[in-house]
């Protein structure tokens, strides 16, 4: 069994922007799709958010905006949320103390922090909404490009052909590019191969012929969640799955069906106001939000099992950015160094990942080979490497 740990270097083959360009792409999406956007109040505040970031007097927020990296921006905004939480905790501690002389001061300080960070929290919510909306829009655009064979889709199809039944994909991406390819090739379907229980789909209208029929052979573990996933608030349903898939997500895969749990989900009556199961890009990634539902921790456990059982592990287009400290621990503790191959076209990233994850070969680190994804997919050597 091979395990493929994939990152943005794979999705960018079909036009998804890297993190450093993601904010500008979201901006274009939100401004250009006014008629199709949900949460009208968020859309109307989007220009205000951009001006606030650009003119912000907080050097941390302004510097994050200058970089253009959405992870830096959300990190700066999340830091304000953390400070608010600590201010509230200080009030509670002061009120519980035997001597409450400092309670009033603590409460005044906490209220001041709240006032000064109100917009940080508001705009953080809007930015997270915009991120999801961007991926939703791209998901539907992908269907047309995929069917037409545009951009890098032939290359991704070629990659999908090399992923064999029994292999597994571990991804830190939010998009469904690989699922789209593996679905077409009959190796994956959403009913049972997200690793979170069996999802029961029912056809809508005359679309029964578009329901996936083949059993899944390749699981896809989204360790940071996905824009199409929502919490299943009907755990007593027959599916017993931990997630519901939105109809919008299934439509984008050209699956004319509806997830039964989404249909029966009380929150789905207004899906635009339901938060998806997504670990947002930030140095303060919040995994605690989903502990009560078990979705994200369960995925990490399943992916860890797959890594430990793998004959070979290919880390493809994933740079292990500084904000992914949990991912670093996850990979270092579950990957056998002798079975890891790094596929990345940035020399510095190859060097760093080989030092962290790759085998100790005695070769000088700066001689680590730089392998382009396209070259790797199309070379005969990779065919040999993947022989069972």
Protein backbone atom coordinates (compact mmCIF):
# COMPACT_ATOMS: atom_id res chain seq x y z
CA UNK A 1 0.00 0.00 0.00
CA UNK A 2 1.20 3.49 -0.89
CA UNK A 3 0.06 6.59 0.96
CA UNK A 4 0.10 9.96 -0.80
CA UNK A 5 0.32 13.00 1.48
CA UNK A 6 -0.72 15.86 -0.79
CA UNK A 7 -0.75 19.63 -0.40
CA UNK A 8 -1.33 22.78 -2.42
CA UNK A 9 1.30 21.76 -4.99
CA UNK A 10 -1.20 19.23 -6.33
CA UNK A 11 -4.27 21.49 -6.37
CA UNK A 12 -2.34 24.31 -8.05
CA UNK A 13 -2.01 22.08 -11.12
CA UNK A 14 -5.67 22.83 -11.85
CA UNK A 15 -5.56 26.51 -10.98
CA UNK A 16 -5.95 26.72 -7.20
CA UNK A 17 -3.76 29.53 -5.84
CA UNK A 18 -1.02 28.96 -3.26
CA UNK A 19 -1.61 30.41 0.20
CA UNK A 20 0.38 33.55 -0.58
CA UNK A 21 -2.08 34.43 -3.39
CA UNK A 22 -5.27 33.08 -1.87
CA UNK A 23 -6.50 36.34 -0.33
CA UNK A 24 -6.29 38.21 -3.64
CA UNK A 25 -8.16 35.39 -5.40
CA UNK A 26 -10.88 35.44 -2.73
CA UNK A 27 -11.17 39.20 -3.19
CA UNK A 28 -11.76 38.78 -6.94
CA UNK A 29 -14.29 36.02 -6.30
CA UNK A 30 -16.35 37.96 -3.76
CA UNK A 31 -16.39 41.18 -5.78
CA UNK A 32 -17.21 39.36 -9.02
CA UNK A 33 -20.03 37.06 -7.87
CA UNK A 34 -22.41 39.44 -6.17
CA UNK A 35 -25.57 37.87 -7.62
CA UNK A 36 -24.72 34.37 -6.41
CA UNK A 37 -23.45 35.12 -2.90
CA UNK A 38 -25.20 34.12 0.30
CA UNK A 39 -25.01 36.13 3.55
CA UNK A 40 -25.71 39.49 1.96
CA UNK A 41 -24.52 41.42 5.00
CA UNK A 42 -21.11 39.76 4.74
CA UNK A 43 -20.77 40.65 1.08
CA UNK A 44 -21.67 44.27 1.75
CA UNK A 45 -19.02 44.45 4.48
CA UNK A 46 -16.29 42.91 2.33
CA UNK A 47 -14.99 46.26 0.95
CA UNK A 48 -14.96 47.60 4.51
CA UNK A 49 -12.87 44.62 5.61
CA UNK A 50 -10.32 45.22 2.83
CA UNK A 51 -10.04 48.93 3.67
CA UNK A 52 -9.72 48.15 7.39
CA UNK A 53 -6.86 45.74 6.72
CA UNK A 54 -5.10 48.14 4.37
CA UNK A 55 -5.32 51.16 6.69
CA UNK A 56 -5.01 49.36 10.00
CA UNK A 57 -2.84 51.08 12.60
CA UNK A 58 -2.10 47.79 14.34
CA UNK A 59 1.35 46.95 12.89
CA UNK A 60 0.70 43.21 13.19
CA UNK A 61 -2.57 43.33 11.23
CA UNK A 62 -1.17 45.73 8.64
CA UNK A 63 2.00 43.70 8.13
CA UNK A 64 -0.07 40.53 7.70
CA UNK A 65 -2.17 42.29 5.07
CA UNK A 66 0.95 43.47 3.20
CA UNK A 67 2.17 39.86 2.88
CA UNK A 68 -1.12 38.95 1.20
CA UNK A 69 -1.06 35.52 2.86
CA UNK A 70 -4.45 34.62 4.29
CA UNK A 71 -2.83 32.46 6.98
CA UNK A 72 -0.93 35.50 8.28
CA UNK A 73 -4.07 37.65 8.23
CA UNK A 74 -6.20 35.10 10.09
CA UNK A 75 -3.38 34.57 12.59
CA UNK A 76 -3.34 38.27 13.43
CA UNK A 77 -7.11 38.30 13.84
CA UNK A 78 -7.10 35.08 15.86
CA UNK A 79 -4.58 36.57 18.26
CA UNK A 80 -7.20 39.19 19.15
CA UNK A 81 -9.69 36.40 19.87
CA UNK A 82 -7.19 34.70 22.17
CA UNK A 83 -6.55 37.95 24.04
CA UNK A 84 -10.30 38.42 24.56
CA UNK A 85 -10.57 34.93 25.97
CA UNK A 86 -7.69 35.54 28.36
CA UNK A 87 -9.27 38.82 29.48
CA UNK A 88 -12.52 37.02 30.32
CA UNK A 89 -10.63 34.30 32.20
CA UNK A 90 -8.87 36.97 34.25
CA UNK A 91 -12.23 38.38 35.32
CA UNK A 92 -13.47 34.95 36.39
CA UNK A 93 -10.30 34.28 38.42
CA UNK A 94 -10.53 37.67 40.12
CA UNK A 95 -14.19 37.14 41.04
CA UNK A 96 -13.46 33.70 42.48
CA UNK A 97 -10.51 34.88 44.56
CA UNK A 98 -11.03 35.22 48.35
CA UNK A 99 -10.18 38.89 48.03
CA UNK A 100 -12.00 40.44 45.09
CA UNK A 101 -10.25 43.81 45.19
CA UNK A 102 -8.97 43.39 41.62
CA UNK A 103 -12.27 42.20 40.13
CA UNK A 104 -13.37 45.65 39.01
CA UNK A 105 -10.02 46.41 37.42
CA UNK A 106 -10.02 43.04 35.64
CA UNK A 107 -13.53 43.62 34.35
CA UNK A 108 -12.65 47.11 33.09
CA UNK A 109 -9.56 45.77 31.31
CA UNK A 110 -11.58 42.96 29.74
CA UNK A 111 -14.23 45.37 28.46
CA UNK A 112 -11.50 47.54 26.96
CA UNK A 113 -9.98 44.55 25.15
CA UNK A 114 -13.45 43.62 23.86
CA UNK A 115 -14.08 47.08 22.46
CA UNK A 116 -10.71 47.24 20.76
CA UNK A 117 -11.02 43.80 19.19
CA UNK A 118 -14.68 43.77 18.12
CA UNK A 119 -13.79 44.39 14.48
CA UNK A 120 -11.03 41.78 14.61
CA UNK A 121 -13.59 39.11 15.46
CA UNK A 122 -16.22 40.43 13.05
CA UNK A 123 -13.84 40.54 10.12
CA UNK A 124 -12.38 37.16 11.01
CA UNK A 125 -15.88 35.67 10.61
CA UNK A 126 -16.34 37.41 7.26
CA UNK A 127 -12.94 36.28 6.00
CA UNK A 128 -13.67 32.67 6.96
CA UNK A 129 -17.04 32.88 5.20
CA UNK A 130 -15.34 34.30 2.10
CA UNK A 131 -12.77 31.49 2.10
CA UNK A 132 -15.49 28.84 2.08
CA UNK A 133 -17.45 30.74 -0.55
CA UNK A 134 -14.38 30.87 -2.77
CA UNK A 135 -13.94 27.10 -2.63
CA UNK A 136 -17.64 26.55 -3.28
CA UNK A 137 -17.47 28.73 -6.38
CA UNK A 138 -14.29 27.08 -7.64
CA UNK A 139 -15.77 23.63 -7.02
CA UNK A 140 -18.56 24.31 -9.50
CA UNK A 141 -16.22 25.94 -12.00
CA UNK A 142 -13.99 22.87 -11.75
CA UNK A 143 -16.78 20.64 -13.05
CA UNK A 144 -16.85 22.48 -16.37
CA UNK A 145 -13.07 22.60 -16.69
CA UNK A 146 -12.77 18.94 -15.73
CA UNK A 147 -15.31 17.81 -18.32
CA UNK A 148 -13.55 19.90 -20.97
CA UNK A 149 -10.12 18.57 -19.95
CA UNK A 150 -8.78 22.08 -19.42
CA UNK A 151 -5.69 23.29 -17.57
CA UNK A 152 -3.96 20.57 -15.55
CA UNK A 153 -6.82 18.08 -15.34
CA UNK A 154 -5.17 15.57 -17.75
CA UNK A 155 -2.13 15.59 -15.44
CA UNK A 156 -4.30 14.97 -12.38
CA UNK A 157 -6.07 12.16 -14.24
CA UNK A 158 -2.67 10.65 -14.94
CA UNK A 159 -1.82 10.88 -11.25
CA UNK A 160 -5.15 9.25 -10.39
CA UNK A 161 -4.35 6.34 -12.67
CA UNK A 162 -1.24 5.66 -10.61
CA UNK A 163 -3.17 5.58 -7.34
CA UNK A 164 -4.10 1.91 -7.04
CA UNK A 165 -6.91 0.20 -5.12
CA UNK A 166 -5.79 -0.21 -1.52
CA UNK A 167 -3.73 3.00 -1.52
CA UNK A 168 -4.75 6.01 0.57
CA UNK A 169 -4.65 9.77 0.15
CA UNK A 170 -3.96 12.10 3.08
CA UNK A 171 -4.57 15.73 2.21
CA UNK A 172 -4.33 19.10 3.93
CA UNK A 173 -6.28 20.78 1.09
CA UNK A 174 -9.91 21.90 1.26
CA UNK A 175 -10.77 21.25 -2.39
CA UNK A 176 -12.08 18.05 -3.97
CA UNK A 177 -9.82 17.91 -7.02
CA UNK A 178 -8.48 14.42 -6.34
CA UNK A 179 -11.90 13.09 -5.38
CA UNK A 180 -13.23 14.31 -8.72
CA UNK A 181 -10.56 12.35 -10.60
CA UNK A 182 -10.82 9.19 -8.49
CA UNK A 183 -14.62 9.27 -8.75
CA UNK A 184 -14.41 9.29 -12.55
CA UNK A 185 -11.97 6.37 -12.41
CA UNK A 186 -14.26 4.33 -10.15
CA UNK A 187 -11.84 4.24 -7.20
CA UNK A 188 -13.66 6.55 -4.80
CA UNK A 189 -17.14 7.71 -3.94
CA UNK A 190 -18.40 9.89 -1.10
CA UNK A 191 -20.64 7.21 0.40
CA UNK A 192 -17.92 5.49 2.39
CA UNK A 193 -14.46 6.82 1.59
CA UNK A 194 -14.11 9.93 3.69
CA UNK A 195 -13.49 7.67 6.68
CA UNK A 196 -16.32 9.09 8.79
CA UNK A 197 -19.05 6.50 8.40
CA UNK A 198 -21.40 5.48 5.63
CA UNK A 199 -23.20 8.31 3.87
CA UNK A 200 -26.53 7.34 2.29
CA UNK A 201 -27.37 9.19 -0.90
CA UNK A 202 -30.79 9.37 -2.52
CA UNK A 203 -31.22 10.39 -6.14
CA UNK A 204 -32.97 13.61 -7.00
CA UNK A 205 -35.46 13.43 -9.83
CA UNK A 206 -34.13 11.50 -12.83
CA UNK A 207 -30.51 11.64 -11.73
CA UNK A 208 -30.27 8.05 -10.45
CA UNK A 209 -27.89 7.15 -13.27
CA UNK A 210 -25.38 9.63 -11.87
CA UNK A 211 -25.19 7.97 -8.47
CA UNK A 212 -21.78 6.32 -7.86
CA UNK A 213 -22.16 2.56 -7.96
CA UNK A 214 -18.65 1.16 -7.56
CA UNK A 215 -17.34 0.39 -4.09
CA UNK A 216 -14.63 2.75 -2.90
CA UNK A 217 -11.10 1.42 -3.06
CA UNK A 218 -9.13 4.53 -2.08
CA UNK A 219 -9.91 6.53 1.07
CA UNK A 220 -9.29 10.29 1.05
CA UNK A 221 -8.56 11.75 4.49
CA UNK A 222 -9.02 15.55 4.66
CA UNK A 223 -7.17 16.33 7.88
CA UNK A 224 -8.25 19.98 7.85
CA UNK A 225 -11.81 19.23 6.79
CA UNK A 226 -13.49 20.39 3.61
CA UNK A 227 -15.82 23.17 2.51
CA UNK A 228 -18.56 20.64 1.63
CA UNK A 229 -18.67 18.96 5.05
CA UNK A 230 -21.10 19.86 7.79
CA UNK A 231 -21.79 18.38 11.20
CA UNK A 232 -24.41 15.65 11.18
CA UNK A 233 -26.95 16.76 13.75
CA UNK A 234 -28.96 13.55 13.25
CA UNK A 235 -26.70 10.90 14.82
CA UNK A 236 -29.62 8.52 15.23
CA UNK A 237 -30.08 8.22 11.47
CA UNK A 238 -29.40 4.95 9.69
CA UNK A 239 -26.10 6.16 8.26
CA UNK A 240 -24.41 6.78 11.62
CA UNK A 241 -21.99 9.05 9.80
CA UNK A 242 -20.15 11.88 11.56
CA UNK A 243 -20.69 14.34 8.72
CA UNK A 244 -23.31 15.50 6.24
CA UNK A 245 -22.39 16.42 2.68
CA UNK A 246 -24.15 19.48 1.29
CA UNK A 247 -26.22 19.10 -1.86
CA UNK A 248 -24.21 21.94 -3.36
CA UNK A 249 -21.01 19.92 -2.87
CA UNK A 250 -22.50 16.80 -4.49
CA UNK A 251 -23.82 18.83 -7.43
CA UNK A 252 -20.31 20.12 -8.04
CA UNK A 253 -19.13 16.50 -8.36
CA UNK A 254 -21.94 15.90 -10.87
CA UNK A 255 -23.67 13.56 -8.44
CA UNK A 256 -27.42 14.11 -8.74
CA UNK A 257 -28.20 13.07 -5.19
CA UNK A 258 -28.85 14.31 -1.70
CA UNK A 259 -27.30 13.16 1.55
CA UNK A 260 -30.12 11.84 3.70
CA UNK A 261 -28.61 13.32 6.85
CA UNK A 262 -28.26 16.73 5.18
CA UNK A 263 -31.89 16.53 4.09
CA UNK A 264 -33.02 15.70 7.62
CA UNK A 265 -30.57 18.04 9.32
CA UNK A 266 -32.42 20.75 11.26
CA UNK A 267 -29.61 23.21 10.56
CA UNK A 268 -29.78 22.60 6.81
CA UNK A 269 -32.99 24.62 6.56
CA UNK A 270 -30.65 27.58 6.21
CA UNK A 271 -27.37 26.04 5.02
CA UNK A 272 -25.74 29.40 4.31
CA UNK A 273 -25.68 30.02 8.07
CA UNK A 274 -24.16 26.66 9.03
CA UNK A 275 -20.41 26.54 9.56
CA UNK A 276 -18.59 23.82 7.59
CA UNK A 277 -16.13 21.44 9.22
CA UNK A 278 -12.96 23.29 8.30
CA UNK A 279 -9.77 23.92 10.24
CA UNK A 280 -9.01 27.39 8.92
CA UNK A 281 -5.48 28.45 7.92
CA UNK A 282 -3.94 30.13 10.93
CA UNK A 283 -0.99 29.63 13.25
CA UNK A 284 -3.67 29.16 15.94
CA UNK A 285 -5.50 26.28 14.27
CA UNK A 286 -8.45 25.39 16.46
CA UNK A 287 -8.95 21.63 16.56
CA UNK A 288 -11.07 21.83 19.72
CA UNK A 289 -14.19 23.05 17.91
CA UNK A 290 -14.88 19.60 16.51
CA UNK A 291 -13.90 17.37 19.43
CA UNK A 292 -17.51 16.92 20.53
CA UNK A 293 -18.42 15.51 17.12
CA UNK A 294 -15.26 13.44 16.67
CA UNK A 295 -14.86 14.10 12.94
CA UNK A 296 -11.40 15.66 12.77
CA UNK A 297 -9.71 13.57 15.53
CA UNK A 298 -11.07 10.38 13.94
CA UNK A 299 -9.61 11.35 10.55
CA UNK A 300 -6.18 11.93 12.08
CA UNK A 301 -6.31 8.52 13.78
CA UNK A 302 -7.25 6.77 10.53
CA UNK A 303 -4.57 8.61 8.57
CA UNK A 304 -1.96 7.73 11.21
CA UNK A 305 -2.91 4.05 10.88
CA UNK A 306 -2.50 4.29 7.11
CA UNK A 307 0.95 5.92 7.38
CA UNK A 308 2.22 3.29 9.79
CA UNK A 309 0.99 0.47 7.53
CA UNK A 310 2.30 1.99 4.29
CA UNK A 311 4.88 0.28 2.11
CA UNK A 312 5.85 3.72 0.84
CA UNK A 313 4.84 7.31 1.58
CA UNK A 314 4.96 10.06 -1.04
CA UNK A 315 4.79 13.63 0.28
CA UNK A 316 3.58 15.45 -2.82
CA UNK A 317 3.38 19.21 -3.16
CA UNK A 318 3.12 19.76 0.58
CA UNK A 319 5.54 22.25 2.12
CA UNK A 320 4.68 21.67 5.80
CA UNK A 321 4.32 25.42 6.53
CA UNK A 322 5.25 26.81 9.97
CA UNK A 323 1.59 27.09 10.99
CA UNK A 324 1.14 23.32 10.65
CA UNK A 325 2.98 22.28 13.80
CA UNK A 326 0.37 19.58 14.48
CA UNK A 327 1.01 18.15 11.01
CA UNK A 328 4.75 18.08 11.66
CA UNK A 329 4.28 16.03 14.83
CA UNK A 330 1.78 13.80 13.02
CA UNK A 331 4.15 13.02 10.14
CA UNK A 332 7.35 12.68 12.18
CA UNK A 333 5.76 10.23 14.61
CA UNK A 334 3.99 8.08 12.00
CA UNK A 335 6.31 7.99 8.97
CA UNK A 336 9.09 5.46 8.56
CA UNK A 337 11.97 7.57 7.20
CA UNK A 338 13.21 4.75 4.97
CA UNK A 339 9.87 4.73 3.14
CA UNK A 340 9.41 8.43 2.43
CA UNK A 341 9.88 10.20 -0.90
CA UNK A 342 9.57 14.00 -1.16
CA UNK A 343 8.05 15.40 -4.36
CA UNK A 344 8.40 19.17 -4.46
CA UNK A 345 9.76 21.66 -6.99
CA UNK A 346 11.20 24.08 -4.40
CA UNK A 347 14.78 23.25 -3.43
CA UNK A 348 14.62 24.78 0.05
CA UNK A 349 11.42 22.85 0.81
CA UNK A 350 12.97 19.60 -0.41
CA UNK A 351 15.97 20.12 1.84
CA UNK A 352 13.84 20.92 4.88
CA UNK A 353 11.41 18.02 4.39
CA UNK A 354 14.20 15.53 3.71
CA UNK A 355 15.83 16.58 6.96
CA UNK A 356 12.55 16.22 8.86
CA UNK A 357 10.98 13.20 7.18
CA UNK A 358 13.36 11.61 4.70
CA UNK A 359 15.93 8.84 5.12
CA UNK A 360 19.39 9.62 6.47
CA UNK A 361 21.44 8.86 3.38
CA UNK A 362 24.68 10.60 4.31
CA UNK A 363 24.30 12.84 1.25
CA UNK A 364 24.93 16.55 1.78
CA UNK A 365 21.54 18.14 2.46
CA UNK A 366 21.80 20.81 -0.22
CA UNK A 367 22.08 18.11 -2.87
CA UNK A 368 18.54 16.94 -2.17
CA UNK A 369 16.88 16.38 -5.57
CA UNK A 370 14.18 18.80 -6.68
CA UNK A 371 11.38 16.88 -8.37
CA UNK A 372 8.61 18.63 -10.29
CA UNK A 373 5.13 17.11 -9.88
CA UNK A 374 4.54 16.90 -13.63
CA UNK A 375 7.92 15.30 -14.23
CA UNK A 376 7.35 12.81 -11.41
CA UNK A 377 3.91 11.77 -12.66
CA UNK A 378 5.07 11.27 -16.22
CA UNK A 379 8.42 9.52 -15.71
CA UNK A 380 8.86 5.78 -16.11
CA UNK A 381 10.92 5.65 -12.91
CA UNK A 382 7.85 6.50 -10.87
CA UNK A 383 6.04 3.60 -12.56
CA UNK A 384 8.82 1.33 -11.33
CA UNK A 385 8.79 2.82 -7.83
CA UNK A 386 5.09 2.09 -7.50
CA UNK A 387 5.28 -1.58 -8.43
CA UNK A 388 3.89 -3.81 -5.70
